[in-house]
Amino acid sequence: MALMKGAILMVFTAVALSGVFGVDALEAQVDTLTVGESSGAVAGTDARIQPGDQIRLQVWREPDLSGDFTVDEQGEAILPRIGRLEAASMEAAALQDSLYVAYGRYLRNPSIEIAVLRRIGVHGEVRNPSLYMVDLTMTLREVIAMAGGITDAGNPERIAIIRGDEEIRLDTNGQEQFDTAELRSGDQIVVGRRSWLALNPLAALSASTALISFVVGVILPLVR
């Protein structure tokens, strides 16, 4: 009988403690199992132009040639004087060199500056959730920082990129994905919330202690 009581106490204790310490670990395992595979695209300074990106073109003393131009689904942008230009898969520096040559046919020593921007939504547990136009070379870490960073209630191990009907979860075993995760125009970054138990450890511990006390004081005496 003593062995039975001991076994019952051990089971309830394990259940109670797992509620305090085991939930976040379990959630982390689930996230890892559902992580999206990399598409092989590059991010950061080596990022390349994609459909949906916006080319911000500034030609010195030529306001009619300057402006914002969107890369269409075919990977082309329609620019003043030049017309259709295949821009997809180019790095920003390579595009600027191409534009210098193209506008050099019409202008003498043109001064050209470009920025390639992406429309990215940042939601969930960040301080300033909103829609942002971010530079092509910005990483996921930098985009989240632009949104004010993760709140105290946010879980850096529960970040997903929503792309149409696809949900891409970061691998919680590799923080390097903050710098290598591919971003595209239209992506929605969602930072998840830490569990109630993680945010309220003292309350959870008190509940577990009360459960153990109930088992010791009420349940075990009934076991004959």
C-alpha atoms as a PDB file:
ATOM      1  CA  MET A   1       0.000   0.000   0.000  1.00  0.00           C
ATOM      2  CA  ALA A   2       2.842   2.373   0.817  1.00  0.00           C
ATOM      3  CA  LEU A   3       4.327   1.672  -2.602  1.00  0.00           C
ATOM      4  CA  MET A   4       1.004   2.499  -4.253  1.00  0.00           C
ATOM      5  CA  LYS A   5       0.746   5.791  -2.383  1.00  0.00           C
ATOM      6  CA  GLY A   6       4.301   6.648  -3.335  1.00  0.00           C
ATOM      7  CA  ALA A   7       3.624   5.875  -6.984  1.00  0.00           C
ATOM      8  CA  ILE A   8       0.497   8.031  -7.012  1.00  0.00           C
ATOM      9  CA  LEU A   9       2.361  10.925  -5.411  1.00  0.00           C
ATOM     10  CA  MET A  10       5.179  10.645  -7.955  1.00  0.00           C
ATOM     11  CA  VAL A  11       2.733  10.675 -10.872  1.00  0.00           C
ATOM     12  CA  PHE A  12       0.886  13.777  -9.689  1.00  0.00           C
ATOM     13  CA  THR A  13       4.159  15.536  -8.883  1.00  0.00           C
ATOM     14  CA  ALA A  14       5.497  14.801 -12.359  1.00  0.00           C
ATOM     15  CA  VAL A  15       2.308  16.084 -13.978  1.00  0.00           C
ATOM     16  CA  ALA A  16       2.354  19.266 -11.911  1.00  0.00           C
ATOM     17  CA  LEU A  17       6.007  20.026 -12.560  1.00  0.00           C
ATOM     18  CA  SER A  18       5.699  19.282 -16.272  1.00  0.00           C
ATOM     19  CA  GLY A  19       3.023  21.973 -16.442  1.00  0.00           C
ATOM     20  CA  VAL A  20       5.530  24.500 -15.097  1.00  0.00           C
ATOM     21  CA  PHE A  21       8.700  23.479 -16.878  1.00  0.00           C
ATOM     22  CA  GLY A  22       7.663  21.309 -19.794  1.00  0.00           C
ATOM     23  CA  VAL A  23       5.258  23.344 -21.903  1.00  0.00           C
ATOM     24  CA  ASP A  24       7.708  25.716 -23.562  1.00  0.00           C
ATOM     25  CA  ALA A  25      10.087  22.852 -24.293  1.00  0.00           C
ATOM     26  CA  LEU A  26       7.253  20.913 -25.938  1.00  0.00           C
ATOM     27  CA  GLU A  27       6.204  23.933 -27.971  1.00  0.00           C
ATOM     28  CA  ALA A  28       9.799  24.402 -29.091  1.00  0.00           C
ATOM     29  CA  GLN A  29       9.867  20.791 -30.288  1.00  0.00           C
ATOM     30  CA  VAL A  30       6.655  21.312 -32.256  1.00  0.00           C
ATOM     31  CA  ASP A  31       8.068  24.442 -33.884  1.00  0.00           C
ATOM     32  CA  THR A  32      11.198  22.581 -34.875  1.00  0.00           C
ATOM     33  CA  LEU A  33       9.165  19.808 -36.488  1.00  0.00           C
ATOM     34  CA  THR A  34       7.185  22.301 -38.578  1.00  0.00           C
ATOM     35  CA  VAL A  35      10.064  24.502 -39.685  1.00  0.00           C
ATOM     36  CA  GLY A  36       9.936  25.484 -43.354  1.00  0.00           C
ATOM     37  CA  GLU A  37      12.764  24.448 -45.637  1.00  0.00           C
ATOM     38  CA  SER A  38      14.930  27.193 -47.114  1.00  0.00           C
ATOM     39  CA  SER A  39      14.194  28.004 -50.740  1.00  0.00           C
ATOM     40  CA  GLY A  40      17.880  28.501 -51.445  1.00  0.00           C
ATOM     41  CA  ALA A  41      17.468  32.247 -51.939  1.00  0.00           C
ATOM     42  CA  VAL A  42      19.930  34.577 -50.294  1.00  0.00           C
ATOM     43  CA  ALA A  43      19.304  37.325 -47.774  1.00  0.00           C
ATOM     44  CA  GLY A  44      21.158  40.362 -46.459  1.00  0.00           C
ATOM     45  CA  THR A  45      23.808  42.095 -48.576  1.00  0.00           C
ATOM     46  CA  ASP A  46      23.651  39.356 -51.238  1.00  0.00           C
ATOM     47  CA  ALA A  47      19.852  39.586 -51.645  1.00  0.00           C
ATOM     48  CA  ARG A  48      18.501  39.802 -55.176  1.00  0.00           C
ATOM     49  CA  ILE A  49      15.557  41.667 -56.649  1.00  0.00           C
ATOM     50  CA  GLN A  50      12.268  39.753 -56.828  1.00  0.00           C
ATOM     51  CA  PRO A  51       8.780  40.391 -58.224  1.00  0.00           C
ATOM     52  CA  GLY A  52       6.872  42.790 -55.994  1.00  0.00           C
ATOM     53  CA  ASP A  53       9.952  44.791 -55.030  1.00  0.00           C
ATOM     54  CA  GLN A  54       9.945  48.548 -55.540  1.00  0.00           C
ATOM     55  CA  ILE A  55      12.825  50.331 -57.274  1.00  0.00           C
ATOM     56  CA  ARG A  56      13.338  53.877 -56.003  1.00  0.00           C
ATOM     57  CA  LEU A  57      15.251  55.677 -58.731  1.00  0.00           C
ATOM     58  CA  GLN A  58      16.884  59.089 -58.372  1.00  0.00           C
ATOM     59  CA  VAL A  59      18.496  60.646 -61.445  1.00  0.00           C
ATOM     60  CA  TRP A  60      20.190  63.932 -60.518  1.00  0.00           C
ATOM     61  CA  ARG A  61      18.486  66.967 -62.070  1.00  0.00           C
ATOM     62  CA  GLU A  62      16.076  64.698 -63.956  1.00  0.00           C
ATOM     63  CA  PRO A  63      12.806  64.609 -62.005  1.00  0.00           C
ATOM     64  CA  ASP A  64      10.946  63.153 -65.001  1.00  0.00           C
ATOM     65  CA  LEU A  65      13.216  60.114 -64.890  1.00  0.00           C
ATOM     66  CA  SER A  66      13.050  59.675 -61.124  1.00  0.00           C
ATOM     67  CA  GLY A  67      10.398  57.896 -59.064  1.00  0.00           C
ATOM     68  CA  ASP A  68       9.265  54.567 -57.605  1.00  0.00           C
ATOM     69  CA  PHE A  69       8.767  51.638 -59.969  1.00  0.00           C
ATOM     70  CA  THR A  70       7.407  48.190 -59.092  1.00  0.00           C
ATOM     71  CA  VAL A  71       8.877  44.935 -60.390  1.00  0.00           C
ATOM     72  CA  ASP A  72       5.986  42.980 -61.920  1.00  0.00           C
ATOM     73  CA  GLU A  73       5.242  39.248 -61.788  1.00  0.00           C
ATOM     74  CA  GLN A  74       7.418  38.690 -64.864  1.00  0.00           C
ATOM     75  CA  GLY A  75      10.370  40.257 -63.035  1.00  0.00           C
ATOM     76  CA  GLU A  76      10.336  43.405 -65.164  1.00  0.00           C
ATOM     77  CA  ALA A  77      10.089  47.099 -64.289  1.00  0.00           C
ATOM     78  CA  ILE A  78       8.986  49.820 -66.699  1.00  0.00           C
ATOM     79  CA  LEU A  79      11.338  52.786 -66.395  1.00  0.00           C
ATOM     80  CA  PRO A  80      11.217  56.219 -68.103  1.00  0.00           C
ATOM     81  CA  ARG A  81      13.035  56.357 -71.438  1.00  0.00           C
ATOM     82  CA  ILE A  82      14.320  52.792 -71.052  1.00  0.00           C
ATOM     83  CA  GLY A  83      10.979  50.995 -71.052  1.00  0.00           C
ATOM     84  CA  ARG A  84      10.876  47.383 -69.861  1.00  0.00           C
ATOM     85  CA  LEU A  85      13.920  46.223 -67.940  1.00  0.00           C
ATOM     86  CA  GLU A  86      14.540  42.680 -66.660  1.00  0.00           C
ATOM     87  CA  ALA A  87      15.374  43.309 -62.992  1.00  0.00           C
ATOM     88  CA  ALA A  88      14.569  40.047 -61.204  1.00  0.00           C
ATOM     89  CA  SER A  89      17.513  38.090 -59.808  1.00  0.00           C
ATOM     90  CA  MET A  90      19.830  41.098 -60.017  1.00  0.00           C
ATOM     91  CA  GLU A  91      21.644  42.556 -57.037  1.00  0.00           C
ATOM     92  CA  ALA A  92      20.994  46.252 -56.386  1.00  0.00           C
ATOM     93  CA  ALA A  93      24.559  47.228 -57.333  1.00  0.00           C
ATOM     94  CA  ALA A  94      24.304  45.355 -60.628  1.00  0.00           C
ATOM     95  CA  LEU A  95      21.012  47.097 -61.426  1.00  0.00           C
ATOM     96  CA  GLN A  96      22.539  50.489 -60.718  1.00  0.00           C
ATOM     97  CA  ASP A  97      25.414  49.727 -63.101  1.00  0.00           C
ATOM     98  CA  SER A  98      22.934  48.665 -65.806  1.00  0.00           C
ATOM     99  CA  LEU A  99      20.933  51.852 -65.369  1.00  0.00           C
ATOM    100  CA  TYR A 100      24.075  53.976 -65.591  1.00  0.00           C
ATOM    101  CA  VAL A 101      24.871  52.405 -68.961  1.00  0.00           C
ATOM    102  CA  ALA A 102      21.244  52.636 -70.180  1.00  0.00           C
ATOM    103  CA  TYR A 103      20.760  56.291 -69.225  1.00  0.00           C
ATOM    104  CA  GLY A 104      24.214  57.110 -70.514  1.00  0.00           C
ATOM    105  CA  ARG A 105      22.733  56.840 -74.005  1.00  0.00           C
ATOM    106  CA  TYR A 106      20.552  59.883 -73.267  1.00  0.00           C
ATOM    107  CA  LEU A 107      22.471  61.807 -70.597  1.00  0.00           C
ATOM    108  CA  ARG A 108      26.081  62.865 -70.236  1.00  0.00           C
ATOM    109  CA  ASN A 109      27.687  61.345 -67.138  1.00  0.00           C
ATOM    110  CA  PRO A 110      24.375  60.607 -65.387  1.00  0.00           C
ATOM    111  CA  SER A 111      24.333  60.579 -61.578  1.00  0.00           C
ATOM    112  CA  ILE A 112      22.078  57.706 -60.540  1.00  0.00           C
ATOM    113  CA  GLU A 113      21.097  56.380 -57.134  1.00  0.00           C
ATOM    114  CA  ILE A 114      18.722  53.506 -56.483  1.00  0.00           C
ATOM    115  CA  ALA A 115      17.203  51.772 -53.492  1.00  0.00           C
ATOM    116  CA  VAL A 116      15.282  48.510 -53.718  1.00  0.00           C
ATOM    117  CA  LEU A 117      12.455  48.287 -51.184  1.00  0.00           C
ATOM    118  CA  ARG A 118      10.225  45.463 -49.984  1.00  0.00           C
ATOM    119  CA  ARG A 119       6.772  45.715 -48.434  1.00  0.00           C
ATOM    120  CA  ILE A 120       6.880  43.673 -45.215  1.00  0.00           C
ATOM    121  CA  GLY A 121       4.263  43.444 -42.449  1.00  0.00           C
ATOM    122  CA  VAL A 122       5.445  42.889 -38.879  1.00  0.00           C
ATOM    123  CA  HIS A 123       2.790  41.706 -36.402  1.00  0.00           C
ATOM    124  CA  GLY A 124       2.324  39.974 -33.081  1.00  0.00           C
ATOM    125  CA  GLU A 125       4.550  40.616 -30.098  1.00  0.00           C
ATOM    126  CA  VAL A 126       6.564  43.573 -31.389  1.00  0.00           C
ATOM    127  CA  ARG A 127       6.441  47.100 -30.005  1.00  0.00           C
ATOM    128  CA  ASN A 128       5.343  48.831 -33.213  1.00  0.00           C
ATOM    129  CA  PRO A 129       3.415  46.391 -35.434  1.00  0.00           C
ATOM    130  CA  SER A 130       2.813  47.881 -38.877  1.00  0.00           C
ATOM    131  CA  LEU A 131       3.558  47.630 -42.592  1.00  0.00           C
ATOM    132  CA  TYR A 132       7.103  48.667 -43.484  1.00  0.00           C
ATOM    133  CA  MET A 133       9.000  49.429 -46.680  1.00  0.00           C
ATOM    134  CA  VAL A 134      12.388  47.905 -45.977  1.00  0.00           C
ATOM    135  CA  ASP A 135      15.635  47.927 -47.907  1.00  0.00           C
ATOM    136  CA  LEU A 136      16.444  44.872 -50.010  1.00  0.00           C
ATOM    137  CA  THR A 137      19.529  44.112 -47.906  1.00  0.00           C
ATOM    138  CA  MET A 138      17.787  44.154 -44.517  1.00  0.00           C
ATOM    139  CA  THR A 139      17.676  40.872 -42.603  1.00  0.00           C
ATOM    140  CA  LEU A 140      14.816  39.481 -40.547  1.00  0.00           C
ATOM    141  CA  ARG A 141      16.593  40.619 -37.386  1.00  0.00           C
ATOM    142  CA  GLU A 142      16.833  44.187 -38.720  1.00  0.00           C
ATOM    143  CA  VAL A 143      13.197  44.273 -39.850  1.00  0.00           C
ATOM    144  CA  ILE A 144      12.012  43.188 -36.392  1.00  0.00           C
ATOM    145  CA  ALA A 145      14.275  45.859 -34.867  1.00  0.00           C
ATOM    146  CA  MET A 146      12.651  48.437 -37.177  1.00  0.00           C
ATOM    147  CA  ALA A 147       9.315  47.450 -35.624  1.00  0.00           C
ATOM    148  CA  GLY A 148      10.676  48.272 -32.166  1.00  0.00           C
ATOM    149  CA  GLY A 149      11.943  44.815 -31.301  1.00  0.00           C
ATOM    150  CA  ILE A 150      10.250  41.917 -29.509  1.00  0.00           C
ATOM    151  CA  THR A 151       8.154  42.761 -26.445  1.00  0.00           C
ATOM    152  CA  ASP A 152       8.768  41.244 -23.021  1.00  0.00           C
ATOM    153  CA  ALA A 153       5.884  38.861 -23.697  1.00  0.00           C
ATOM    154  CA  GLY A 154       7.239  37.851 -27.108  1.00  0.00           C
ATOM    155  CA  ASN A 155       8.915  34.537 -27.766  1.00  0.00           C
ATOM    156  CA  PRO A 156      11.940  34.780 -30.105  1.00  0.00           C
ATOM    157  CA  GLU A 157      11.628  31.032 -30.672  1.00  0.00           C
ATOM    158  CA  ARG A 158       8.102  31.404 -32.106  1.00  0.00           C
ATOM    159  CA  ILE A 159       8.542  33.525 -35.216  1.00  0.00           C
ATOM    160  CA  ALA A 160       6.817  32.694 -38.487  1.00  0.00           C
ATOM    161  CA  ILE A 161       6.844  34.221 -41.956  1.00  0.00           C
ATOM    162  CA  ILE A 162       3.405  34.109 -43.619  1.00  0.00           C
ATOM    163  CA  ARG A 163       3.700  34.072 -47.413  1.00  0.00           C
ATOM    164  CA  GLY A 164       0.340  33.676 -49.086  1.00  0.00           C
ATOM    165  CA  ASP A 165      -1.035  30.319 -47.916  1.00  0.00           C
ATOM    166  CA  GLU A 166       2.384  29.191 -46.698  1.00  0.00           C
ATOM    167  CA  GLU A 167       3.653  29.476 -43.125  1.00  0.00           C
ATOM    168  CA  ILE A 168       7.414  29.284 -42.666  1.00  0.00           C
ATOM    169  CA  ARG A 169       8.581  28.772 -39.087  1.00  0.00           C
ATOM    170  CA  LEU A 170      12.121  29.516 -38.041  1.00  0.00           C
ATOM    171  CA  ASP A 171      14.237  26.649 -36.772  1.00  0.00           C
ATOM    172  CA  THR A 172      14.477  27.259 -33.023  1.00  0.00           C
ATOM    173  CA  ASN A 173      17.826  25.448 -32.988  1.00  0.00           C
ATOM    174  CA  GLY A 174      19.507  28.032 -35.200  1.00  0.00           C
ATOM    175  CA  GLN A 175      19.544  31.749 -34.363  1.00  0.00           C
ATOM    176  CA  GLU A 176      21.499  32.320 -37.590  1.00  0.00           C
ATOM    177  CA  GLN A 177      18.172  32.224 -39.434  1.00  0.00           C
ATOM    178  CA  PHE A 178      17.557  35.741 -38.124  1.00  0.00           C
ATOM    179  CA  ASP A 179      20.267  36.796 -40.578  1.00  0.00           C
ATOM    180  CA  THR A 180      19.719  34.292 -43.400  1.00  0.00           C
ATOM    181  CA  ALA A 181      15.922  33.867 -43.669  1.00  0.00           C
ATOM    182  CA  GLU A 182      14.673  34.930 -47.075  1.00  0.00           C
ATOM    183  CA  LEU A 183      12.174  37.802 -47.197  1.00  0.00           C
ATOM    184  CA  ARG A 184       9.889  38.743 -50.093  1.00  0.00           C
ATOM    185  CA  SER A 185       7.546  41.633 -50.772  1.00  0.00           C
ATOM    186  CA  GLY A 186       4.168  40.873 -49.211  1.00  0.00           C
ATOM    187  CA  ASP A 187       5.581  38.702 -46.424  1.00  0.00           C
ATOM    188  CA  GLN A 188       3.988  38.967 -42.985  1.00  0.00           C
ATOM    189  CA  ILE A 189       6.324  38.387 -40.033  1.00  0.00           C
ATOM    190  CA  VAL A 190       4.477  37.192 -36.919  1.00  0.00           C
ATOM    191  CA  VAL A 191       6.177  37.050 -33.520  1.00  0.00           C
ATOM    192  CA  GLY A 192       4.401  34.648 -31.186  1.00  0.00           C
ATOM    193  CA  ARG A 193       3.636  35.108 -27.507  1.00  0.00           C
ATOM    194  CA  ARG A 194       5.290  33.199 -24.709  1.00  0.00           C
ATOM    195  CA  SER A 195       3.047  30.729 -22.894  1.00  0.00           C
ATOM    196  CA  TRP A 196       1.033  31.750 -19.829  1.00  0.00           C
ATOM    197  CA  LEU A 197       3.209  29.472 -17.711  1.00  0.00           C
ATOM    198  CA  ALA A 198       6.389  31.138 -18.946  1.00  0.00           C
ATOM    199  CA  LEU A 199       4.945  34.596 -18.213  1.00  0.00           C
ATOM    200  CA  ASN A 200       3.590  33.587 -14.795  1.00  0.00           C
ATOM    201  CA  PRO A 201       6.054  31.066 -13.312  1.00  0.00           C
ATOM    202  CA  LEU A 202       5.248  31.900  -9.667  1.00  0.00           C
ATOM    203  CA  ALA A 203       1.518  31.453 -10.198  1.00  0.00           C
ATOM    204  CA  ALA A 204       2.127  28.167 -11.991  1.00  0.00           C
ATOM    205  CA  LEU A 205       4.428  26.969  -9.213  1.00  0.00           C
ATOM    206  CA  SER A 206       1.813  27.903  -6.599  1.00  0.00           C
ATOM    207  CA  ALA A 207      -0.858  25.972  -8.525  1.00  0.00           C
ATOM    208  CA  SER A 208       1.418  22.943  -8.744  1.00  0.00           C
ATOM    209  CA  THR A 209       2.178  23.129  -5.019  1.00  0.00           C
ATOM    210  CA  ALA A 210      -1.541  23.352  -4.242  1.00  0.00           C
ATOM    211  CA  LEU A 211      -2.186  20.304  -6.445  1.00  0.00           C
ATOM    212  CA  ILE A 212       0.495  18.280  -4.673  1.00  0.00           C
ATOM    213  CA  SER A 213      -0.870  19.352  -1.277  1.00  0.00           C
ATOM    214  CA  PHE A 214      -4.352  18.288  -2.348  1.00  0.00           C
ATOM    215  CA  VAL A 215      -3.061  14.880  -3.405  1.00  0.00           C
ATOM    216  CA  VAL A 216      -1.137  14.399  -0.154  1.00  0.00           C
ATOM    217  CA  GLY A 217      -3.926  15.659   2.081  1.00  0.00           C
ATOM    218  CA  VAL A 218      -7.026  14.325   0.316  1.00  0.00           C
ATOM    219  CA  ILE A 219      -6.291  11.691  -2.317  1.00  0.00           C
ATOM    220  CA  LEU A 220      -3.666   9.590  -0.581  1.00  0.00           C
ATOM    221  CA  PRO A 221      -5.655   9.128   2.664  1.00  0.00           C
ATOM    222  CA  LEU A 222      -8.462   7.628   0.558  1.00  0.00           C
ATOM    223  CA  VAL A 223      -6.148   4.973  -0.846  1.00  0.00           C
ATOM    224  CA  ARG A 224      -6.447   1.945   1.320  1.00  0.00           C
END
